[in-house]
Amino acid sequence: MRYASIKKYDIANAPFVCTTLFVSGCTFNCVGCFNKEAQSFNFGNVWSNEVESDFITHSKNENIKGICLLGGEVFQQSDEMLNLLKR
């Protein structure tokens, strides 16, 4: 899996401070998509165990009230997302 970006202190995508993961890859090609570059499954950075561990560690910060998983399309990354959510 690849990801476009991680926002450690995101206040734009939830009514609280969250850590947000923007995954890469989407086959829907929705009309009006504002994130066309993230439709490619090859866009962005490589997701690794180290990146996943850093994401989890940061999301446990006392200032963070939750996580947001955005895309691309999160559910088209089912194996990786399932592993992340289990952890």
C-alpha atoms as a PDB file:
ATOM      1  CA  MET A   1       0.000   0.000   0.000  1.00  0.00           C
ATOM      2  CA  ARG A   2       1.001   3.589  -0.564  1.00  0.00           C
ATOM      3  CA  TYR A   3      -0.235   6.717   1.152  1.00  0.00           C
ATOM      4  CA  ALA A   4      -0.411  10.326   0.040  1.00  0.00           C
ATOM      5  CA  SER A   5       0.159  11.940   3.432  1.00  0.00           C
ATOM      6  CA  ILE A   6      -0.275  11.816   7.182  1.00  0.00           C
ATOM      7  CA  LYS A   7      -1.497  14.885   9.048  1.00  0.00           C
ATOM      8  CA  LYS A   8      -0.435  14.461  12.673  1.00  0.00           C
ATOM      9  CA  TYR A   9      -2.571  17.298  14.071  1.00  0.00           C
ATOM     10  CA  ASP A  10      -5.552  17.598  11.727  1.00  0.00           C
ATOM     11  CA  ILE A  11      -8.382  19.989  12.562  1.00  0.00           C
ATOM     12  CA  ALA A  12      -9.966  20.079   9.082  1.00  0.00           C
ATOM     13  CA  ASN A  13     -11.476  16.590   8.852  1.00  0.00           C
ATOM     14  CA  ALA A  14     -13.187  16.059  12.213  1.00  0.00           C
ATOM     15  CA  PRO A  15     -14.802  18.157  14.944  1.00  0.00           C
ATOM     16  CA  PHE A  16     -11.751  17.455  17.117  1.00  0.00           C
ATOM     17  CA  VAL A  17      -7.979  17.176  16.727  1.00  0.00           C
ATOM     18  CA  CYS A  18      -7.202  13.927  14.959  1.00  0.00           C
ATOM     19  CA  THR A  19      -4.386  12.188  13.156  1.00  0.00           C
ATOM     20  CA  THR A  20      -5.337  11.628   9.522  1.00  0.00           C
ATOM     21  CA  LEU A  21      -4.048   9.101   7.016  1.00  0.00           C
ATOM     22  CA  PHE A  22      -4.695   9.781   3.320  1.00  0.00           C
ATOM     23  CA  VAL A  23      -4.268   6.498   1.456  1.00  0.00           C
ATOM     24  CA  SER A  24      -3.485   6.275  -2.245  1.00  0.00           C
ATOM     25  CA  GLY A  25      -5.533   4.314  -4.722  1.00  0.00           C
ATOM     26  CA  CYS A  26      -9.116   4.541  -5.901  1.00  0.00           C
ATOM     27  CA  THR A  27     -10.901   3.049  -8.907  1.00  0.00           C
ATOM     28  CA  PHE A  28     -14.199   4.959  -8.571  1.00  0.00           C
ATOM     29  CA  ASN A  29     -13.114   8.063 -10.548  1.00  0.00           C
ATOM     30  CA  CYS A  30     -15.988  10.111  -9.094  1.00  0.00           C
ATOM     31  CA  VAL A  31     -17.155  13.190 -10.983  1.00  0.00           C
ATOM     32  CA  GLY A  32     -15.737  16.253  -9.229  1.00  0.00           C
ATOM     33  CA  CYS A  33     -13.022  14.336  -7.356  1.00  0.00           C
ATOM     34  CA  PHE A  34     -10.716  16.933  -5.817  1.00  0.00           C
ATOM     35  CA  ASN A  35      -7.931  14.429  -5.139  1.00  0.00           C
ATOM     36  CA  LYS A  36      -7.275  12.963  -8.618  1.00  0.00           C
ATOM     37  CA  GLU A  37      -3.548  12.418  -8.007  1.00  0.00           C
ATOM     38  CA  ALA A  38      -4.348  10.085  -5.097  1.00  0.00           C
ATOM     39  CA  GLN A  39      -6.387   7.808  -7.398  1.00  0.00           C
ATOM     40  CA  SER A  40      -3.172   6.139  -8.523  1.00  0.00           C
ATOM     41  CA  PHE A  41      -2.188   3.143  -6.396  1.00  0.00           C
ATOM     42  CA  ASN A  42       1.445   4.181  -7.044  1.00  0.00           C
ATOM     43  CA  PHE A  43       1.078   7.736  -5.701  1.00  0.00           C
ATOM     44  CA  GLY A  44       2.890   8.871  -2.575  1.00  0.00           C
ATOM     45  CA  ASN A  45       4.911   7.052   0.048  1.00  0.00           C
ATOM     46  CA  VAL A  46       5.282   3.358   0.803  1.00  0.00           C
ATOM     47  CA  TRP A  47       3.323   2.182   3.866  1.00  0.00           C
ATOM     48  CA  SER A  48       5.521   0.090   6.143  1.00  0.00           C
ATOM     49  CA  ASN A  49       5.422  -1.416   9.622  1.00  0.00           C
ATOM     50  CA  GLU A  50       7.564   1.500  10.811  1.00  0.00           C
ATOM     51  CA  VAL A  51       5.182   4.108   9.351  1.00  0.00           C
ATOM     52  CA  GLU A  52       2.212   2.223  10.795  1.00  0.00           C
ATOM     53  CA  SER A  53       3.831   2.082  14.244  1.00  0.00           C
ATOM     54  CA  ASP A  54       4.627   5.817  14.121  1.00  0.00           C
ATOM     55  CA  PHE A  55       1.014   6.555  13.108  1.00  0.00           C
ATOM     56  CA  ILE A  56      -0.332   4.495  16.014  1.00  0.00           C
ATOM     57  CA  THR A  57       2.115   5.984  18.519  1.00  0.00           C
ATOM     58  CA  HIS A  58       1.266   9.517  17.470  1.00  0.00           C
ATOM     59  CA  SER A  59      -2.493   8.866  17.545  1.00  0.00           C
ATOM     60  CA  LYS A  60      -2.142   7.945  21.233  1.00  0.00           C
ATOM     61  CA  ASN A  61      -0.916  11.474  22.052  1.00  0.00           C
ATOM     62  CA  GLU A  62      -3.138  13.015  24.752  1.00  0.00           C
ATOM     63  CA  ASN A  63      -3.998  15.922  22.410  1.00  0.00           C
ATOM     64  CA  ILE A  64      -5.360  13.583  19.734  1.00  0.00           C
ATOM     65  CA  LYS A  65      -9.021  12.613  20.114  1.00  0.00           C
ATOM     66  CA  GLY A  66      -9.271  10.167  17.186  1.00  0.00           C
ATOM     67  CA  ILE A  67      -8.068   9.146  13.751  1.00  0.00           C
ATOM     68  CA  CYS A  68      -9.424   9.800  10.271  1.00  0.00           C
ATOM     69  CA  LEU A  69      -8.801   7.413   7.392  1.00  0.00           C
ATOM     70  CA  LEU A  70      -9.296   9.125   4.035  1.00  0.00           C
ATOM     71  CA  GLY A  71      -8.271   8.571   0.455  1.00  0.00           C
ATOM     72  CA  GLY A  72      -7.983   7.647  -2.276  1.00  0.00           C
ATOM     73  CA  GLU A  73     -10.380   4.973  -1.143  1.00  0.00           C
ATOM     74  CA  VAL A  74      -9.685   3.417   2.258  1.00  0.00           C
ATOM     75  CA  PHE A  75     -11.741   0.287   1.609  1.00  0.00           C
ATOM     76  CA  GLN A  76      -9.701  -0.545  -1.487  1.00  0.00           C
ATOM     77  CA  GLN A  77      -6.765  -1.051   0.899  1.00  0.00           C
ATOM     78  CA  SER A  78      -8.616  -3.657   2.954  1.00  0.00           C
ATOM     79  CA  ASP A  79      -5.719  -5.869   4.101  1.00  0.00           C
ATOM     80  CA  GLU A  80      -3.560  -2.976   5.282  1.00  0.00           C
ATOM     81  CA  MET A  81      -6.476  -1.104   6.851  1.00  0.00           C
ATOM     82  CA  LEU A  82      -7.634  -4.217   8.681  1.00  0.00           C
ATOM     83  CA  ASN A  83      -4.129  -4.717  10.085  1.00  0.00           C
ATOM     84  CA  LEU A  84      -3.937  -1.066  11.170  1.00  0.00           C
ATOM     85  CA  LEU A  85      -7.329  -1.149  12.862  1.00  0.00           C
ATOM     86  CA  LYS A  86      -6.558  -4.414  14.651  1.00  0.00           C
ATOM     87  CA  ARG A  87      -3.384  -2.869  16.067  1.00  0.00           C
END
